[in-house]
């Protein structure tokens, strides 16, 4: 192997090592992005589920009241005509 080939081979080795470091950093960032994305979803979904479970009786009661009001309006309209 002549000196020029050796120099090119060493340069290629340095570039490959730098690329490997960069790829490891990218992989680490992608891993943490996935973890934090999951954490953000959990932070959003858990309060929504707990809020729904806590407010469900009140929502059902409001629905019953709304249906009752609709029935009153129907009865009122049927009495007028």
PDB file of N, CA and C in Angstrom:
ATOM      1  N   UNK A   1       0.856  -1.170   0.000  1.00  0.00           N
ATOM      2  CA  UNK A   1       0.000   0.000   0.000  1.00  0.00           C
ATOM      3  C   UNK A   1       0.902   1.232   0.000  1.00  0.00           C
ATOM      4  N   UNK A   2       0.647   2.098  -0.948  1.00  0.00           N
ATOM      5  CA  UNK A   2       1.491   3.295  -1.031  1.00  0.00           C
ATOM      6  C   UNK A   2       0.980   4.348  -0.038  1.00  0.00           C
ATOM      7  N   UNK A   3       1.779   5.378   0.216  1.00  0.00           N
ATOM      8  CA  UNK A   3       1.427   6.383   1.225  1.00  0.00           C
ATOM      9  C   UNK A   3       0.135   7.146   0.900  1.00  0.00           C
ATOM     10  N   UNK A   4      -0.118   7.374  -0.373  1.00  0.00           N
ATOM     11  CA  UNK A   4      -1.335   8.098  -0.746  1.00  0.00           C
ATOM     12  C   UNK A   4      -2.582   7.280  -0.408  1.00  0.00           C
ATOM     13  N   UNK A   5      -2.552   5.988  -0.703  1.00  0.00           N
ATOM     14  CA  UNK A   5      -3.682   5.119  -0.374  1.00  0.00           C
ATOM     15  C   UNK A   5      -3.884   5.029   1.139  1.00  0.00           C
ATOM     16  N   UNK A   6      -2.784   4.944   1.842  1.00  0.00           N
ATOM     17  CA  UNK A   6      -2.862   4.879   3.305  1.00  0.00           C
ATOM     18  C   UNK A   6      -3.492   6.157   3.863  1.00  0.00           C
ATOM     19  N   UNK A   7      -3.093   7.297   3.299  1.00  0.00           N
ATOM     20  CA  UNK A   7      -3.637   8.580   3.749  1.00  0.00           C
ATOM     21  C   UNK A   7      -5.141   8.640   3.482  1.00  0.00           C
ATOM     22  N   UNK A   8      -5.566   8.196   2.311  1.00  0.00           N
ATOM     23  CA  UNK A   8      -6.990   8.183   1.975  1.00  0.00           C
ATOM     24  C   UNK A   8      -7.754   7.233   2.893  1.00  0.00           C
ATOM     25  N   UNK A   9      -7.158   6.105   3.193  1.00  0.00           N
ATOM     26  CA  UNK A   9      -7.801   5.137   4.072  1.00  0.00           C
ATOM     27  C   UNK A   9      -7.946   5.696   5.496  1.00  0.00           C
ATOM     28  N   UNK A  10      -6.929   6.368   5.992  1.00  0.00           N
ATOM     29  CA  UNK A  10      -7.005   6.978   7.323  1.00  0.00           C
ATOM     30  C   UNK A  10      -8.054   8.094   7.350  1.00  0.00           C
ATOM     31  N   UNK A  11      -8.122   8.870   6.289  1.00  0.00           N
ATOM     32  CA  UNK A  11      -9.119   9.937   6.195  1.00  0.00           C
ATOM     33  C   UNK A  11     -10.536   9.339   6.192  1.00  0.00           C
ATOM     34  N   UNK A  12     -10.719   8.261   5.424  1.00  0.00           N
ATOM     35  CA  UNK A  12     -12.023   7.585   5.386  1.00  0.00           C
ATOM     36  C   UNK A  12     -12.380   7.041   6.771  1.00  0.00           C
ATOM     37  N   UNK A  13     -11.392   6.527   7.485  1.00  0.00           N
ATOM     38  CA  UNK A  13     -11.627   6.016   8.828  1.00  0.00           C
ATOM     39  C   UNK A  13     -12.068   7.133   9.774  1.00  0.00           C
ATOM     40  N   UNK A  14     -11.408   8.292   9.702  1.00  0.00           N
ATOM     41  CA  UNK A  14     -11.788   9.427  10.539  1.00  0.00           C
ATOM     42  C   UNK A  14     -13.221   9.877  10.228  1.00  0.00           C
ATOM     43  N   UNK A  15     -13.562   9.961   8.935  1.00  0.00           N
ATOM     44  CA  UNK A  15     -14.914  10.350   8.546  1.00  0.00           C
ATOM     45  C   UNK A  15     -15.951   9.332   9.031  1.00  0.00           C
ATOM     46  N   UNK A  16     -15.627   8.058   8.935  1.00  0.00           N
ATOM     47  CA  UNK A  16     -16.542   7.020   9.395  1.00  0.00           C
ATOM     48  C   UNK A  16     -16.746   7.112  10.907  1.00  0.00           C
ATOM     49  N   UNK A  17     -15.699   7.392  11.657  1.00  0.00           N
ATOM     50  CA  UNK A  17     -15.823   7.539  13.109  1.00  0.00           C
ATOM     51  C   UNK A  17     -16.677   8.762  13.466  1.00  0.00           C
ATOM     52  N   UNK A  18     -16.480   9.860  12.757  1.00  0.00           N
ATOM     53  CA  UNK A  18     -17.295  11.059  12.991  1.00  0.00           C
ATOM     54  C   UNK A  18     -18.770  10.778  12.661  1.00  0.00           C
ATOM     55  N   UNK A  19     -18.998  10.097  11.535  1.00  0.00           N
ATOM     56  CA  UNK A  19     -20.373   9.741  11.167  1.00  0.00           C
ATOM     57  C   UNK A  19     -21.016   8.845  12.216  1.00  0.00           C
ATOM     58  N   UNK A  20     -20.235   7.915  12.752  1.00  0.00           N
ATOM     59  CA  UNK A  20     -20.753   7.020  13.776  1.00  0.00           C
ATOM     60  C   UNK A  20     -21.155   7.795  15.026  1.00  0.00           C
ATOM     61  N   UNK A  21     -20.357   8.765  15.439  1.00  0.00           N
ATOM     62  CA  UNK A  21     -20.695   9.597  16.597  1.00  0.00           C
ATOM     63  C   UNK A  21     -21.978  10.385  16.336  1.00  0.00           C
ATOM     64  N   UNK A  22     -22.078  10.960  15.147  1.00  0.00           N
ATOM     65  CA  UNK A  22     -23.274  11.738  14.796  1.00  0.00           C
ATOM     66  C   UNK A  22     -24.514  10.839  14.779  1.00  0.00           C
ATOM     67  N   UNK A  23     -24.388   9.646  14.222  1.00  0.00           N
ATOM     68  CA  UNK A  23     -25.519   8.720  14.180  1.00  0.00           C
ATOM     69  C   UNK A  23     -25.952   8.295  15.582  1.00  0.00           C
ATOM     70  N   UNK A  24     -24.992   8.106  16.477  1.00  0.00           N
ATOM     71  CA  UNK A  24     -25.340   7.772  17.861  1.00  0.00           C
ATOM     72  C   UNK A  24     -26.091   8.918  18.523  1.00  0.00           C
ATOM     73  N   UNK A  25     -25.665  10.147  18.265  1.00  0.00           N
ATOM     74  CA  UNK A  25     -26.368  11.309  18.822  1.00  0.00           C
ATOM     75  C   UNK A  25     -27.792  11.399  18.273  1.00  0.00           C
ATOM     76  N   UNK A  26     -27.946  11.173  16.972  1.00  0.00           N
ATOM     77  CA  UNK A  26     -29.270  11.218  16.354  1.00  0.00           C
ATOM     78  C   UNK A  26     -30.165  10.133  16.944  1.00  0.00           C
ATOM     79  N   UNK A  27     -29.598   8.945  17.110  1.00  0.00           N
ATOM     80  CA  UNK A  27     -30.368   7.837  17.677  1.00  0.00           C
ATOM     81  C   UNK A  27     -30.787   8.152  19.109  1.00  0.00           C
ATOM     82  N   UNK A  28     -29.901   8.732  19.895  1.00  0.00           N
ATOM     83  CA  UNK A  28     -30.222   9.089  21.274  1.00  0.00           C
ATOM     84  C   UNK A  28     -31.326  10.146  21.311  1.00  0.00           C
ATOM     85  N   UNK A  29     -31.223  11.150  20.442  1.00  0.00           N
ATOM     86  CA  UNK A  29     -32.257  12.190  20.398  1.00  0.00           C
ATOM     87  C   UNK A  29     -33.601  11.627  19.958  1.00  0.00           C
ATOM     88  N   UNK A  30     -33.596  10.722  19.007  1.00  0.00           N
ATOM     89  CA  UNK A  30     -34.845  10.106  18.553  1.00  0.00           C
ATOM     90  C   UNK A  30     -35.474   9.298  19.686  1.00  0.00           C
ATOM     91  N   UNK A  31     -34.652   8.595  20.447  1.00  0.00           N
ATOM     92  CA  UNK A  31     -35.155   7.826  21.579  1.00  0.00           C
ATOM     93  C   UNK A  31     -35.803   8.746  22.602  1.00  0.00           C
ATOM     94  N   UNK A  32     -35.134   9.840  22.960  1.00  0.00           N
ATOM     95  CA  UNK A  32     -35.687  10.764  23.950  1.00  0.00           C
ATOM     96  C   UNK A  32     -36.914  11.495  23.409  1.00  0.00           C
ATOM     97  N   UNK A  33     -36.940  11.774  22.122  1.00  0.00           N
ATOM     98  CA  UNK A  33     -38.125  12.405  21.525  1.00  0.00           C
ATOM     99  C   UNK A  33     -39.329  11.472  21.647  1.00  0.00           C
ATOM    100  N   UNK A  34     -39.117  10.181  21.432  1.00  0.00           N
ATOM    101  CA  UNK A  34     -40.195   9.207  21.597  1.00  0.00           C
ATOM    102  C   UNK A  34     -40.663   9.161  23.047  1.00  0.00           C
ATOM    103  N   UNK A  35     -39.719   9.111  23.976  1.00  0.00           N
ATOM    104  CA  UNK A  35     -40.080   9.044  25.399  1.00  0.00           C
ATOM    105  C   UNK A  35     -40.858  10.286  25.809  1.00  0.00           C
ATOM    106  N   UNK A  36     -40.367  11.475  25.459  1.00  0.00           N
ATOM    107  CA  UNK A  36     -41.055  12.709  25.850  1.00  0.00           C
ATOM    108  C   UNK A  36     -42.400  12.856  25.146  1.00  0.00           C
ATOM    109  N   UNK A  37     -42.509  12.373  23.922  1.00  0.00           N
ATOM    110  CA  UNK A  37     -43.797  12.383  23.232  1.00  0.00           C
ATOM    111  C   UNK A  37     -44.809  11.520  23.966  1.00  0.00           C
ATOM    112  N   UNK A  38     -44.362  10.349  24.418  1.00  0.00           N
ATOM    113  CA  UNK A  38     -45.234   9.469  25.187  1.00  0.00           C
ATOM    114  C   UNK A  38     -45.640  10.123  26.502  1.00  0.00           C
ATOM    115  N   UNK A  39     -44.688  10.764  27.171  1.00  0.00           N
ATOM    116  CA  UNK A  39     -44.983  11.440  28.442  1.00  0.00           C
ATOM    117  C   UNK A  39     -45.995  12.565  28.218  1.00  0.00           C
ATOM    118  N   UNK A  40     -45.825  13.335  27.151  1.00  0.00           N
ATOM    119  CA  UNK A  40     -46.771  14.420  26.868  1.00  0.00           C
ATOM    120  C   UNK A  40     -48.176  13.872  26.621  1.00  0.00           C
ATOM    121  N   UNK A  41     -48.268  12.779  25.894  1.00  0.00           N
ATOM    122  CA  UNK A  41     -49.584  12.182  25.630  1.00  0.00           C
ATOM    123  C   UNK A  41     -50.216  11.715  26.937  1.00  0.00           C
ATOM    124  N   UNK A  42     -49.413  11.095  27.807  1.00  0.00           N
ATOM    125  CA  UNK A  42     -49.937  10.632  29.086  1.00  0.00           C
ATOM    126  C   UNK A  42     -50.399  11.813  29.928  1.00  0.00           C
ATOM    127  N   UNK A  43     -49.628  12.899  29.908  1.00  0.00           N
ATOM    128  CA  UNK A  43     -49.998  14.089  30.686  1.00  0.00           C
ATOM    129  C   UNK A  43     -51.311  14.676  30.179  1.00  0.00           C
ATOM    130  N   UNK A  44     -51.591  14.541  28.903  1.00  0.00           N
ATOM    131  CA  UNK A  44     -52.834  15.081  28.340  1.00  0.00           C
ATOM    132  C   UNK A  44     -53.994  14.108  28.540  1.00  0.00           C
ATOM    133  N   UNK A  45     -53.769  12.816  28.335  1.00  0.00           N
ATOM    134  CA  UNK A  45     -54.856  11.838  28.342  1.00  0.00           C
ATOM    135  C   UNK A  45     -55.351  11.533  29.759  1.00  0.00           C
ATOM    136  N   UNK A  46     -54.451  11.385  30.715  1.00  0.00           N
ATOM    137  CA  UNK A  46     -54.878  11.021  32.079  1.00  0.00           C
ATOM    138  C   UNK A  46     -55.826  12.062  32.670  1.00  0.00           C
ATOM    139  N   UNK A  47     -55.536  13.364  32.611  1.00  0.00           N
ATOM    140  CA  UNK A  47     -56.520  14.317  33.142  1.00  0.00           C
ATOM    141  C   UNK A  47     -57.859  14.278  32.403  1.00  0.00           C
ATOM    142  N   UNK A  48     -57.829  14.045  31.091  1.00  0.00           N
ATOM    143  CA  UNK A  48     -59.084  13.948  30.347  1.00  0.00           C
ATOM    144  C   UNK A  48     -59.918  12.758  30.814  1.00  0.00           C
ATOM    145  N   UNK A  49     -59.281  11.615  30.999  1.00  0.00           N
ATOM    146  CA  UNK A  49     -60.003  10.424  31.448  1.00  0.00           C
ATOM    147  C   UNK A  49     -60.520  10.622  32.866  1.00  0.00           C
ATOM    148  N   UNK A  50     -59.665  11.133  33.748  1.00  0.00           N
ATOM    149  CA  UNK A  50     -60.108  11.366  35.125  1.00  0.00           C
ATOM    150  C   UNK A  50     -61.224  12.414  35.177  1.00  0.00           C
ATOM    151  N   UNK A  51     -61.111  13.449  34.378  1.00  0.00           N
ATOM    152  CA  UNK A  51     -62.159  14.460  34.322  1.00  0.00           C
ATOM    153  C   UNK A  51     -63.466  13.883  33.832  1.00  0.00           C
ATOM    154  N   UNK A  52     -63.402  13.044  32.827  1.00  0.00           N
ATOM    155  CA  UNK A  52     -64.620  12.415  32.323  1.00  0.00           C
ATOM    156  C   UNK A  52     -65.245  11.524  33.394  1.00  0.00           C
ATOM    157  N   UNK A  53     -64.418  10.717  34.060  1.00  0.00           N
ATOM    158  CA  UNK A  53     -64.951   9.827  35.093  1.00  0.00           C
ATOM    159  C   UNK A  53     -65.553  10.619  36.255  1.00  0.00           C
ATOM    160  N   UNK A  54     -64.924  11.720  36.615  1.00  0.00           N
ATOM    161  CA  UNK A  54     -65.420  12.535  37.718  1.00  0.00           C
ATOM    162  C   UNK A  54     -66.683  13.302  37.331  1.00  0.00           C
ATOM    163  N   UNK A  55     -66.718  13.804  36.097  1.00  0.00           N
ATOM    164  CA  UNK A  55     -67.837  14.640  35.660  1.00  0.00           C
ATOM    165  C   UNK A  55     -68.982  13.860  35.012  1.00  0.00           C
ATOM    166  N   UNK A  56     -68.814  12.570  34.803  1.00  0.00           N
ATOM    167  CA  UNK A  56     -69.828  11.772  34.111  1.00  0.00           C
ATOM    168  C   UNK A  56     -71.206  11.865  34.772  1.00  0.00           C
ATOM    169  N   UNK A  57     -71.339  11.753  36.091  1.00  0.00           N
ATOM    170  CA  UNK A  57     -72.685  11.875  36.679  1.00  0.00           C
ATOM    171  C   UNK A  57     -73.317  13.243  36.402  1.00  0.00           C
ATOM    172  N   UNK A  58     -72.523  14.289  36.445  1.00  0.00           N
ATOM    173  CA  UNK A  58     -73.041  15.628  36.193  1.00  0.00           C
ATOM    174  C   UNK A  58     -73.447  15.794  34.730  1.00  0.00           C
ATOM    175  N   UNK A  59     -72.681  15.214  33.841  1.00  0.00           N
ATOM    176  CA  UNK A  59     -72.997  15.286  32.409  1.00  0.00           C
ATOM    177  C   UNK A  59     -74.298  14.533  32.133  1.00  0.00           C
ATOM    178  N   UNK A  60     -74.463  13.359  32.746  1.00  0.00           N
ATOM    179  CA  UNK A  60     -75.697  12.599  32.545  1.00  0.00           C
ATOM    180  C   UNK A  60     -76.898  13.360  33.094  1.00  0.00           C
ATOM    181  N   UNK A  61     -76.746  13.987  34.246  1.00  0.00           N
ATOM    182  CA  UNK A  61     -77.834  14.771  34.835  1.00  0.00           C
ATOM    183  C   UNK A  61     -78.195  15.952  33.936  1.00  0.00           C
ATOM    184  N   UNK A  62     -77.185  16.611  33.383  1.00  0.00           N
ATOM    185  CA  UNK A  62     -77.439  17.725  32.468  1.00  0.00           C
ATOM    186  C   UNK A  62     -78.166  17.226  31.219  1.00  0.00           C
ATOM    187  N   UNK A  63     -77.819  16.051  30.731  1.00  0.00           N
ATOM    188  CA  UNK A  63     -78.509  15.474  29.578  1.00  0.00           C
ATOM    189  C   UNK A  63     -79.960  15.176  29.879  1.00  0.00           C
ATOM    190  N   UNK A  64     -80.217  14.653  31.072  1.00  0.00           N
ATOM    191  CA  UNK A  64     -81.610  14.385  31.467  1.00  0.00           C
ATOM    192  C   UNK A  64     -82.403  15.683  31.556  1.00  0.00           C
ATOM    193  N   UNK A  65     -81.793  16.706  32.128  1.00  0.00           N
ATOM    194  CA  UNK A  65     -82.463  18.007  32.216  1.00  0.00           C
ATOM    195  C   UNK A  65     -82.755  18.572  30.830  1.00  0.00           C
ATOM    196  N   UNK A  66     -81.801  18.443  29.927  1.00  0.00           N
ATOM    197  CA  UNK A  66     -81.987  18.932  28.559  1.00  0.00           C
ATOM    198  C   UNK A  66     -83.137  18.195  27.880  1.00  0.00           C
ATOM    199  N   UNK A  67     -83.177  16.876  28.055  1.00  0.00           N
ATOM    200  CA  UNK A  67     -84.281  16.096  27.461  1.00  0.00           C
ATOM    201  C   UNK A  67     -85.620  16.499  28.065  1.00  0.00           C
ATOM    202  N   UNK A  68     -85.634  16.767  29.368  1.00  0.00           N
ATOM    203  CA  UNK A  68     -86.863  17.214  30.012  1.00  0.00           C
ATOM    204  C   UNK A  68     -87.340  18.537  29.452  1.00  0.00           C
ATOM    205  N   UNK A  69     -86.429  19.454  29.232  1.00  0.00           N
ATOM    206  CA  UNK A  69     -86.776  20.755  28.658  1.00  0.00           C
ATOM    207  C   UNK A  69     -87.307  20.582  27.237  1.00  0.00           C
ATOM    208  N   UNK A  70     -86.690  19.684  26.470  1.00  0.00           N
ATOM    209  CA  UNK A  70     -87.179  19.427  25.117  1.00  0.00           C
ATOM    210  C   UNK A  70     -88.604  18.885  25.146  1.00  0.00           C
ATOM    211  N   UNK A  71     -88.882  17.991  26.067  1.00  0.00           N
ATOM    212  CA  UNK A  71     -90.235  17.439  26.193  1.00  0.00           C
ATOM    213  C   UNK A  71     -91.234  18.534  26.550  1.00  0.00           C
ATOM    214  N   UNK A  72     -90.843  19.446  27.432  1.00  0.00           N
ATOM    215  CA  UNK A  72     -91.733  20.554  27.783  1.00  0.00           C
ATOM    216  C   UNK A  72     -92.052  21.418  26.569  1.00  0.00           C
ATOM    217  N   UNK A  73     -91.039  21.711  25.762  1.00  0.00           N
ATOM    218  CA  UNK A  73     -91.265  22.510  24.550  1.00  0.00           C
ATOM    219  C   UNK A  73     -92.172  21.781  23.571  1.00  0.00           C
ATOM    220  N   UNK A  74     -91.999  20.453  23.454  1.00  0.00           N
ATOM    221  CA  UNK A  74     -92.864  19.672  22.558  1.00  0.00           C
ATOM    222  C   UNK A  74     -94.304  19.721  23.044  1.00  0.00           C
ATOM    223  N   UNK A  75     -94.489  19.575  24.343  1.00  0.00           N
ATOM    224  CA  UNK A  75     -95.845  19.621  24.894  1.00  0.00           C
ATOM    225  C   UNK A  75     -96.446  21.015  24.693  1.00  0.00           C
ATOM    226  N   UNK A  76     -95.661  22.036  24.890  1.00  0.00           N
ATOM    227  CA  UNK A  76     -96.144  23.410  24.718  1.00  0.00           C
ATOM    228  C   UNK A  76     -96.551  23.663  23.272  1.00  0.00           C
ATOM    229  N   UNK A  77     -95.737  23.164  22.334  1.00  0.00           N
ATOM    230  CA  UNK A  77     -96.046  23.372  20.916  1.00  0.00           C
ATOM    231  C   UNK A  77     -97.296  22.580  20.512  1.00  0.00           C
ATOM    232  N   UNK A  78     -97.466  21.400  21.082  1.00  0.00           N
ATOM    233  CA  UNK A  78     -98.657  20.597  20.730  1.00  0.00           C
ATOM    234  C   UNK A  78     -99.926  21.215  21.303  1.00  0.00           C
ATOM    235  N   UNK A  79     -99.830  21.940  22.416  1.00  0.00           N
ATOM    236  CA  UNK A  79    -101.004  22.591  23.006  1.00  0.00           C
ATOM    237  C   UNK A  79    -101.429  23.829  22.220  1.00  0.00           C
ATOM    238  N   UNK A  80    -100.520  24.503  21.588  1.00  0.00           N
ATOM    239  CA  UNK A  80    -100.831  25.740  20.855  1.00  0.00           C
ATOM    240  C   UNK A  80    -101.570  25.455  19.560  1.00  0.00           C
ATOM    241  N   UNK A  81    -101.297  24.364  18.904  1.00  0.00           N
ATOM    242  CA  UNK A  81    -101.909  24.134  17.612  1.00  0.00           C
ATOM    243  C   UNK A  81    -102.949  23.111  17.734  1.00  0.00           C
TER     244      UNK A  81
END
